[in-house]
Amino acid sequence: MSQPTCRDRLEQALARIADPNGEGARACLTVYAEAARAAAEAADARAARGTSLGPLDGVIVSIKDLFDVAGEVTRAGSKILAEEGQPAQTDAVIVQRLRAAGAVIVAKTNMTEFAFSGIGANPHFGTPGNPHDRSRVPGGSSAGAPVAVADGMCEIAIGTDTGGSVRVPAALCGVVGFKPSRQRVPTDGAFPLSRTLDSIGPLASSVEDCAKADAVMADEPFAPLEPLALAGVSIGIAEGLPLDRLDDTVGPAFAGAIARLASAKLRLSHEKLPLLDDMVAVNAKGGILPAEACALHRDRLQRRAADIDPNVRLRIERGCAVSPEDYAAMFRERTRLIAAMDARLAGLDALIMPTTAIVAPTMAEVADQSTFAARNAAVLRNTSMINFFDLCAISLPLPLTPPALPVGLMLVARNGQDRRLLRIAAAVAKLFAA
């Protein structure tokens, strides 16, 4: 039986997006139907000739609403930017690289306004429902991305991750999400949240697909991902804060994952990490991310505060309370702690912890501002550590027995160890699938 063509797969994706009973209108804010059809036909023509532009040739990809596309206003999930923004002059660098690699860009996906929340709600353009329970949020800020992947609107989605915005929605929606080492993928043409912490990563149904997208975006050659033999691999279970207050679904799922890993003859160790307490002390001054977000949005805050999502506005306003002296002190201390954490992890192949402390909240839960803040903190707590310490990480979905909600397992490695981390993750995913 012949394989479906790229055009066939694209038409199926477009039908999913257009389905009035689905999440397409909330997940995909711009649909590139005709341009995608042209790209798909070109990919099929190359396949017929036996040529290929690389691992993403003919793969259907979505991009987050904060990436520049030439001739379009970049909304970043914002009503203000949609109304006031100027059309981009050129494609974002990662969009250029995706196109050059033969990827078929089908849509721009919805997101939290300005990418500043882990919940994924958007009062301006709607909130896409979680694929496992439509009454629940998808996680953010790359909210439309995991829904598009899980619902068959694309095969790989590209998001950004400043405090967890790829890994959180991946975990809450039951897909794979990879945050690379920050410097791997250029952020030129991506609307910023924090120039210090922003990184760009993929969401997909497999580690292999994430690795393909990462290689293309990092402009590196791709070799098929060989899972690493797990026997003897040194993995540390992060103790303390990462395991604090896990909910009744996440706690048992994580314990089950540890037991499964132990059966694979890994070298598992329990790792106390006092450096996390140092991070908490640094962030007590207000945090680098909120301060940088305020610098970016101060003018919009003064002119059109009422048109900003109230939950996002509150977080930006808190950043505006950070003094220049405290910002400089936090920056210096973070630099010292990055080096200390790198040294601390030198003897481990990876750390593991739950991606989020809780499963996806209901939309009703986060409609209240005080509840929103607590749930947002719970989903971002573990992932934001990774950005602070400038590491790389991946969230894998743990085996799911319906009606249980998805839980993510996060594997973490030192900056620059991306390829090895992906190989470990591929092996872990294979173990869980067995």
Protein backbone atom coordinates (compact mmCIF):
# COMPACT_ATOMS: atom_id res chain seq x y z
CA MET A 1 0.00 0.00 0.00
CA SER A 2 1.46 3.35 -1.02
CA GLN A 3 2.22 6.00 1.56
CA PRO A 4 0.01 9.10 1.58
CA THR A 5 1.58 12.04 -0.22
CA CYS A 6 2.49 15.26 1.53
CA ARG A 7 -0.50 16.89 -0.20
CA ASP A 8 -2.80 14.15 1.14
CA ARG A 9 -1.51 14.65 4.68
CA LEU A 10 -1.80 18.41 4.33
CA GLU A 11 -5.44 18.19 3.24
CA GLN A 12 -6.18 16.07 6.29
CA ALA A 13 -4.49 18.69 8.51
CA LEU A 14 -6.43 21.52 6.86
CA ALA A 15 -9.68 19.59 7.33
CA ARG A 16 -8.90 19.23 11.04
CA ILE A 17 -8.23 22.96 11.31
CA ALA A 18 -11.46 23.80 9.47
CA ASP A 19 -13.65 21.37 11.41
CA PRO A 20 -16.31 23.56 13.10
CA ASN A 21 -16.58 21.01 15.92
CA GLY A 22 -12.84 21.05 16.59
CA GLU A 23 -10.32 23.45 18.10
CA GLY A 24 -8.92 24.76 14.83
CA ALA A 25 -10.33 28.30 15.14
CA ARG A 26 -8.81 28.67 18.61
CA ALA A 27 -5.59 26.74 17.99
CA CYS A 28 -4.64 28.26 14.62
CA LEU A 29 -4.89 32.04 14.25
CA THR A 30 -3.59 32.24 10.67
CA VAL A 31 -3.91 29.41 8.17
CA TYR A 32 -1.63 29.32 5.12
CA ALA A 33 -3.76 26.95 3.04
CA GLU A 34 -2.68 27.95 -0.47
CA ALA A 35 0.99 28.56 0.32
CA ALA A 36 1.07 25.22 2.16
CA ARG A 37 -0.51 23.43 -0.81
CA ALA A 38 2.16 24.85 -3.11
CA ALA A 39 4.90 23.78 -0.69
CA ALA A 40 3.38 20.30 -0.36
CA GLU A 41 3.24 19.84 -4.13
CA ALA A 42 6.87 20.91 -4.40
CA ALA A 43 7.81 18.39 -1.70
CA ASP A 44 5.90 15.63 -3.51
CA ALA A 45 7.67 16.51 -6.77
CA ARG A 46 11.04 16.22 -5.03
CA ALA A 47 10.04 12.89 -3.52
CA ALA A 48 9.02 11.62 -6.97
CA ARG A 49 12.48 12.57 -8.27
CA GLY A 50 14.15 10.86 -5.32
CA THR A 51 15.60 14.07 -3.93
CA SER A 52 15.19 15.61 -0.50
CA LEU A 53 15.99 18.89 1.22
CA GLY A 54 16.50 17.15 4.57
CA PRO A 55 14.65 15.60 7.51
CA LEU A 56 11.74 18.07 7.42
CA ASP A 57 11.11 17.95 3.68
CA GLY A 58 7.35 17.54 3.29
CA VAL A 59 6.70 17.62 7.03
CA ILE A 60 3.66 19.70 8.07
CA VAL A 61 4.72 22.32 10.60
CA SER A 62 3.00 25.07 12.55
CA ILE A 63 4.72 28.12 14.05
CA LYS A 64 3.83 30.12 17.15
CA ASP A 65 2.10 33.46 16.66
CA LEU A 66 5.21 35.40 17.70
CA PHE A 67 7.41 34.47 14.72
CA ASP A 68 7.76 37.04 11.96
CA VAL A 69 6.37 36.15 8.54
CA ALA A 70 7.23 38.70 5.86
CA GLY A 71 4.32 41.00 5.04
CA GLU A 72 2.33 40.12 8.17
CA VAL A 73 1.85 41.83 11.50
CA THR A 74 3.29 39.71 14.32
CA ARG A 75 0.53 39.60 16.95
CA ALA A 76 2.20 37.59 19.74
CA GLY A 77 -1.31 36.81 20.96
CA SER A 78 -2.00 40.51 21.57
CA LYS A 79 -4.93 42.66 20.51
CA ILE A 80 -2.67 45.73 20.75
CA LEU A 81 -0.02 44.33 18.42
CA ALA A 82 -2.69 43.08 16.02
CA GLU A 83 -4.02 46.65 15.76
CA GLU A 84 -0.80 48.68 15.94
CA GLY A 85 1.93 46.39 14.63
CA GLN A 86 3.78 46.99 11.38
CA PRO A 87 4.13 44.14 8.87
CA ALA A 88 7.38 42.22 9.21
CA GLN A 89 9.97 42.95 6.53
CA THR A 90 11.44 39.43 6.52
CA ASP A 91 10.72 35.98 7.88
CA ALA A 92 12.17 35.07 11.27
CA VAL A 93 15.43 33.14 10.94
CA ILE A 94 13.82 29.87 12.02
CA VAL A 95 11.01 30.37 9.49
CA GLN A 96 13.61 30.89 6.77
CA ARG A 97 15.39 27.70 7.84
CA LEU A 98 12.17 25.69 7.95
CA ARG A 99 11.18 26.82 4.47
CA ALA A 100 14.66 26.09 3.09
CA ALA A 101 14.42 22.59 4.57
CA GLY A 102 11.16 21.89 2.72
CA ALA A 103 8.86 22.12 5.74
CA VAL A 104 5.24 22.86 4.86
CA ILE A 105 4.13 25.68 7.16
CA VAL A 106 0.40 25.27 7.63
CA ALA A 107 -0.55 27.78 10.33
CA LYS A 108 0.39 30.20 13.09
CA THR A 109 -0.72 28.85 16.45
CA ASN A 110 -2.40 30.67 19.32
CA MET A 111 -0.51 31.65 22.46
CA THR A 112 -0.72 33.48 25.75
CA GLU A 113 -0.46 37.23 25.18
CA PHE A 114 3.22 38.27 24.97
CA ALA A 115 4.10 34.64 25.92
CA PHE A 116 3.84 35.55 29.61
CA SER A 117 2.02 32.65 31.35
CA GLY A 118 2.15 28.89 31.62
CA ILE A 119 -1.63 28.41 31.55
CA GLY A 120 -2.28 29.09 27.86
CA ALA A 121 -5.43 31.18 28.20
CA ASN A 122 -6.02 34.02 25.74
CA PRO A 123 -9.02 36.38 26.26
CA HIS A 124 -8.55 38.04 22.85
CA PHE A 125 -8.46 35.05 20.49
CA GLY A 126 -9.93 32.27 22.62
CA THR A 127 -8.31 29.40 24.51
CA PRO A 128 -7.92 26.07 22.72
CA GLY A 129 -9.25 23.13 24.75
CA ASN A 130 -6.87 20.44 25.98
CA PRO A 131 -7.04 17.38 23.70
CA HIS A 132 -7.67 15.08 26.69
CA ASP A 133 -10.43 17.20 28.25
CA ARG A 134 -11.75 20.23 26.36
CA SER A 135 -12.81 21.91 29.60
CA ARG A 136 -9.15 22.18 30.60
CA VAL A 137 -6.40 24.54 29.48
CA PRO A 138 -3.65 23.39 27.11
CA GLY A 139 -0.79 25.02 29.00
CA GLY A 140 1.27 27.89 27.70
CA SER A 141 2.48 30.02 26.51
CA SER A 142 2.66 27.95 23.28
CA ALA A 143 -1.00 27.03 23.79
CA GLY A 144 -2.10 26.21 20.25
CA ALA A 145 1.03 24.18 19.48
CA PRO A 146 0.33 20.97 21.45
CA VAL A 147 -3.35 21.04 20.46
CA ALA A 148 -2.36 21.32 16.80
CA VAL A 149 -0.01 18.32 17.15
CA ALA A 150 -2.36 16.16 19.20
CA ASP A 151 -5.39 16.94 17.02
CA GLY A 152 -3.60 16.28 13.73
CA MET A 153 -3.49 19.89 12.49
CA CYS A 154 0.28 19.58 12.00
CA GLU A 155 3.05 17.04 12.58
CA ILE A 156 5.51 19.31 14.38
CA ALA A 157 4.80 22.63 16.10
CA ILE A 158 7.43 25.27 16.83
CA GLY A 159 7.14 27.21 20.07
CA THR A 160 9.26 29.33 22.35
CA ASP A 161 10.35 28.56 25.90
CA THR A 162 11.32 31.32 28.33
CA GLY A 163 10.20 29.66 31.55
CA GLY A 164 8.60 26.47 30.24
CA SER A 165 6.40 27.55 27.34
CA VAL A 166 7.26 24.49 25.21
CA ARG A 167 7.56 21.88 27.97
CA VAL A 168 4.50 22.88 30.04
CA PRO A 169 1.95 22.59 27.19
CA ALA A 170 3.67 19.42 25.98
CA ALA A 171 3.28 17.89 29.44
CA LEU A 172 -0.32 18.99 29.96
CA CYS A 173 -1.39 17.77 26.50
CA GLY A 174 0.57 14.51 26.38
CA VAL A 175 3.13 15.25 23.64
CA VAL A 176 6.92 15.67 23.54
CA GLY A 177 8.42 19.14 23.99
CA PHE A 178 12.12 20.03 23.71
CA LYS A 179 13.84 23.13 25.06
CA PRO A 180 17.34 23.28 23.57
CA SER A 181 20.35 25.03 24.99
CA ARG A 182 19.42 28.68 24.59
CA GLN A 183 22.19 29.63 22.16
CA ARG A 184 21.48 26.78 19.70
CA VAL A 185 18.64 28.43 17.81
CA PRO A 186 18.69 32.14 16.84
CA THR A 187 15.77 34.20 18.12
CA ASP A 188 15.98 36.88 15.40
CA GLY A 189 12.45 37.61 14.23
CA ALA A 190 10.79 36.09 17.31
CA PHE A 191 8.84 38.64 19.37
CA PRO A 192 10.76 38.67 22.67
CA LEU A 193 9.64 38.16 26.25
CA SER A 194 13.07 38.03 27.91
CA ARG A 195 16.14 38.51 25.74
CA THR A 196 18.16 36.72 28.43
CA LEU A 197 15.97 33.62 28.76
CA ASP A 198 14.09 33.12 25.45
CA SER A 199 14.74 29.90 23.55
CA ILE A 200 13.00 28.19 20.62
CA GLY A 201 11.96 24.55 20.56
CA PRO A 202 9.64 21.99 18.93
CA LEU A 203 6.63 19.99 20.09
CA ALA A 204 5.81 16.70 18.38
CA SER A 205 4.53 13.19 18.95
CA SER A 206 8.06 11.73 19.12
CA VAL A 207 11.57 12.55 20.30
CA GLU A 208 12.84 11.81 16.78
CA ASP A 209 10.61 14.51 15.25
CA CYS A 210 11.76 17.02 17.87
CA ALA A 211 15.36 16.16 17.06
CA LYS A 212 14.75 16.71 13.33
CA ALA A 213 13.19 20.13 13.89
CA ASP A 214 15.90 21.12 16.33
CA ALA A 215 18.66 20.23 13.86
CA VAL A 216 17.05 22.26 11.09
CA MET A 217 16.47 25.30 13.31
CA ALA A 218 20.02 25.08 14.69
CA ASP A 219 21.33 24.76 11.10
CA GLU A 220 23.09 21.51 11.90
CA PRO A 221 23.27 18.26 9.92
CA PHE A 222 20.77 15.68 11.14
CA ALA A 223 21.66 12.05 11.71
CA PRO A 224 19.02 9.48 12.69
CA LEU A 225 18.62 9.47 16.44
CA GLU A 226 20.01 6.26 17.93
CA PRO A 227 18.56 5.65 21.42
CA LEU A 228 21.34 5.42 23.99
CA ALA A 229 21.69 2.11 25.85
CA LEU A 230 20.24 2.94 29.26
CA ALA A 231 22.24 0.42 31.28
CA GLY A 232 24.85 2.40 33.20
CA VAL A 233 23.46 5.83 32.28
CA SER A 234 23.68 8.08 35.33
CA ILE A 235 20.39 9.83 36.12
CA GLY A 236 19.77 11.93 39.19
CA ILE A 237 16.34 12.32 40.75
CA ALA A 238 16.07 16.00 41.68
CA GLU A 239 15.06 16.16 45.35
CA GLY A 240 13.49 19.01 47.28
CA LEU A 241 11.60 21.77 45.52
CA PRO A 242 10.96 19.87 42.23
CA LEU A 243 9.04 17.17 44.15
CA ASP A 244 7.16 19.51 46.48
CA ARG A 245 3.33 19.49 46.47
CA LEU A 246 2.81 17.16 43.50
CA ASP A 247 -0.87 16.55 42.87
CA ASP A 248 -2.61 13.20 43.21
CA THR A 249 -2.03 12.32 39.55
CA VAL A 250 1.52 13.62 39.06
CA GLY A 251 2.97 12.10 42.27
CA PRO A 252 2.04 8.46 41.57
CA ALA A 253 2.85 8.79 37.85
CA PHE A 254 6.34 10.08 38.66
CA ALA A 255 6.90 7.30 41.22
CA GLY A 256 5.84 4.76 38.60
CA ALA A 257 8.27 6.27 36.09
CA ILE A 258 11.13 5.96 38.59
CA ALA A 259 10.29 2.31 39.20
CA ARG A 260 10.23 1.65 35.44
CA LEU A 261 13.59 3.36 34.99
CA ALA A 262 15.10 1.38 37.85
CA SER A 263 14.24 -1.82 35.98
CA ALA A 264 16.43 -0.67 33.06
CA LYS A 265 19.63 -0.91 35.16
CA LEU A 266 20.24 2.82 35.11
CA ARG A 267 22.45 4.33 37.78
CA LEU A 268 19.75 6.23 39.64
CA SER A 269 20.73 8.59 42.44
CA HIS A 270 18.86 11.00 44.69
CA GLU A 271 20.29 14.48 44.24
CA LYS A 272 19.92 17.29 46.75
CA LEU A 273 20.33 20.63 44.99
CA PRO A 274 20.90 23.54 47.40
CA LEU A 275 21.53 25.74 44.35
CA LEU A 276 17.76 25.77 43.85
CA ASP A 277 17.46 27.61 47.16
CA ASP A 278 19.98 30.14 45.86
CA MET A 279 17.85 30.59 42.75
CA VAL A 280 14.76 31.24 44.89
CA ALA A 281 16.70 33.86 46.84
CA VAL A 282 17.77 35.61 43.63
CA ASN A 283 14.23 35.61 42.22
CA ALA A 284 12.90 37.04 45.47
CA LYS A 285 14.19 40.40 44.20
CA GLY A 286 11.56 40.22 41.44
CA GLY A 287 13.12 38.01 38.77
CA ILE A 288 15.00 38.72 35.54
CA LEU A 289 12.09 37.71 33.28
CA PRO A 290 9.48 40.13 34.72
CA ALA A 291 12.00 42.99 34.72
CA GLU A 292 12.88 42.42 31.07
CA ALA A 293 9.20 42.03 30.14
CA CYS A 294 8.48 45.42 31.74
CA ALA A 295 11.29 47.04 29.75
CA LEU A 296 9.73 45.69 26.54
CA HIS A 297 6.13 46.62 27.34
CA ARG A 298 6.36 49.74 29.51
CA ASP A 299 5.01 52.01 26.77
CA ARG A 300 2.10 49.66 25.94
CA LEU A 301 1.36 49.36 29.65
CA GLN A 302 1.11 53.13 29.98
CA ARG A 303 -1.00 53.64 26.85
CA ARG A 304 -3.30 50.62 26.70
CA ALA A 305 -3.20 48.73 30.00
CA ALA A 306 -6.90 47.91 29.77
CA ASP A 307 -6.33 46.03 26.49
CA ILE A 308 -3.79 43.61 27.99
CA ASP A 309 -4.86 40.27 29.49
CA PRO A 310 -5.22 41.16 33.22
CA ASN A 311 -3.16 38.13 34.31
CA VAL A 312 -0.35 39.11 31.96
CA ARG A 313 -0.60 42.78 32.87
CA LEU A 314 -0.19 41.98 36.57
CA ARG A 315 3.03 40.05 35.91
CA ILE A 316 4.46 42.86 33.77
CA GLU A 317 3.58 45.43 36.43
CA ARG A 318 5.46 43.40 39.03
CA GLY A 319 8.51 43.52 36.78
CA CYS A 320 8.25 47.30 36.65
CA ALA A 321 8.79 47.36 40.42
CA VAL A 322 12.30 45.86 40.05
CA SER A 323 14.98 48.51 40.48
CA PRO A 324 17.93 48.73 38.05
CA GLU A 325 20.24 47.89 40.96
CA ASP A 326 18.30 44.74 41.84
CA TYR A 327 18.17 43.71 38.18
CA ALA A 328 21.95 44.06 37.87
CA ALA A 329 22.48 42.13 41.10
CA MET A 330 20.19 39.30 39.94
CA PHE A 331 21.99 39.12 36.63
CA ARG A 332 25.41 38.86 38.30
CA GLU A 333 24.25 36.25 40.78
CA ARG A 334 22.56 34.18 38.07
CA THR A 335 25.81 34.12 36.08
CA ARG A 336 27.62 32.72 39.13
CA LEU A 337 24.91 30.14 39.79
CA ILE A 338 24.90 28.93 36.15
CA ALA A 339 28.57 28.02 36.47
CA ALA A 340 27.96 26.37 39.84
CA MET A 341 25.07 24.25 38.52
CA ASP A 342 27.07 23.22 35.47
CA ALA A 343 29.82 21.94 37.79
CA ARG A 344 27.25 20.26 40.05
CA LEU A 345 25.76 18.28 37.15
CA ALA A 346 29.11 17.26 35.65
CA GLY A 347 28.91 13.71 37.01
CA LEU A 348 25.38 13.03 35.74
CA ASP A 349 24.05 12.24 32.28
CA ALA A 350 20.70 13.78 33.19
CA LEU A 351 18.45 14.97 35.99
CA ILE A 352 14.80 13.93 36.11
CA MET A 353 11.77 15.53 37.72
CA PRO A 354 8.08 15.97 36.92
CA THR A 355 7.64 18.60 34.20
CA THR A 356 4.77 20.20 36.11
CA ALA A 357 3.57 19.71 39.68
CA ILE A 358 -0.08 19.50 38.61
CA VAL A 359 -2.17 18.27 35.69
CA ALA A 360 -3.97 20.73 33.41
CA PRO A 361 -6.32 22.99 35.39
CA THR A 362 -9.87 23.54 34.22
CA MET A 363 -10.70 26.78 32.46
CA ALA A 364 -13.17 27.48 35.27
CA GLU A 365 -10.38 27.17 37.86
CA VAL A 366 -8.20 29.78 36.19
CA ALA A 367 -11.02 32.22 35.50
CA ASP A 368 -10.40 33.64 38.99
CA GLN A 369 -7.26 35.78 39.17
CA SER A 370 -6.04 34.45 42.51
CA THR A 371 -6.53 30.83 41.44
CA PHE A 372 -4.88 31.62 38.12
CA ALA A 373 -1.73 32.85 39.89
CA ALA A 374 -1.46 29.72 42.03
CA ARG A 375 -1.98 27.33 39.10
CA ASN A 376 0.40 29.31 36.91
CA ALA A 377 3.10 29.07 39.58
CA ALA A 378 2.51 25.32 39.91
CA VAL A 379 2.91 24.58 36.21
CA LEU A 380 5.97 26.81 35.75
CA ARG A 381 7.89 26.01 38.93
CA ASN A 382 10.01 23.12 37.67
CA THR A 383 10.43 24.21 34.07
CA SER A 384 11.54 27.77 34.93
CA MET A 385 14.49 26.39 36.90
CA ILE A 386 15.95 25.08 33.66
CA ASN A 387 15.88 28.48 31.95
CA PHE A 388 17.37 30.15 35.03
CA PHE A 389 20.34 27.76 35.05
CA ASP A 390 20.74 27.85 31.23
CA LEU A 391 20.28 24.10 30.74
CA CYS A 392 18.54 22.00 28.08
CA ALA A 393 15.52 19.80 28.82
CA ILE A 394 12.81 17.65 27.28
CA SER A 395 9.33 16.68 28.49
CA LEU A 396 8.13 13.16 27.70
CA PRO A 397 4.54 12.00 28.20
CA LEU A 398 4.26 9.24 30.79
CA PRO A 399 2.13 6.19 29.94
CA LEU A 400 -1.50 7.22 30.25
CA THR A 401 -4.47 5.14 31.37
CA PRO A 402 -7.67 7.04 30.53
CA PRO A 403 -9.42 8.85 32.11
CA ALA A 404 -6.20 9.98 33.82
CA LEU A 405 -4.84 13.28 32.51
CA PRO A 406 -1.38 13.58 30.91
CA VAL A 407 1.74 13.88 33.07
CA GLY A 408 5.15 14.90 31.76
CA LEU A 409 8.55 13.56 32.81
CA MET A 410 11.33 16.13 32.36
CA LEU A 411 14.89 15.07 31.55
CA VAL A 412 17.49 17.79 32.04
CA ALA A 413 21.10 18.06 30.89
CA ARG A 414 23.92 20.57 30.93
CA ASN A 415 24.08 23.32 28.34
CA GLY A 416 25.45 21.96 25.07
CA GLN A 417 24.52 18.33 25.78
CA ASP A 418 21.43 18.51 23.57
CA ARG A 419 22.17 15.61 21.25
CA ARG A 420 23.06 13.25 24.10
CA LEU A 421 19.93 14.30 25.98
CA LEU A 422 17.79 13.54 22.94
CA ARG A 423 19.36 10.08 22.65
CA ILE A 424 18.66 9.38 26.33
CA ALA A 425 15.10 10.67 25.89
CA ALA A 426 14.56 8.42 22.87
CA ALA A 427 15.65 5.43 24.95
CA VAL A 428 13.41 6.41 27.88
CA ALA A 429 10.44 6.91 25.54
CA LYS A 430 11.09 3.46 24.05
CA LEU A 431 11.20 1.96 27.56
CA PHE A 432 7.86 3.52 28.50
CA ALA A 433 6.29 2.31 25.25
CA ALA A 434 7.37 -1.29 25.82
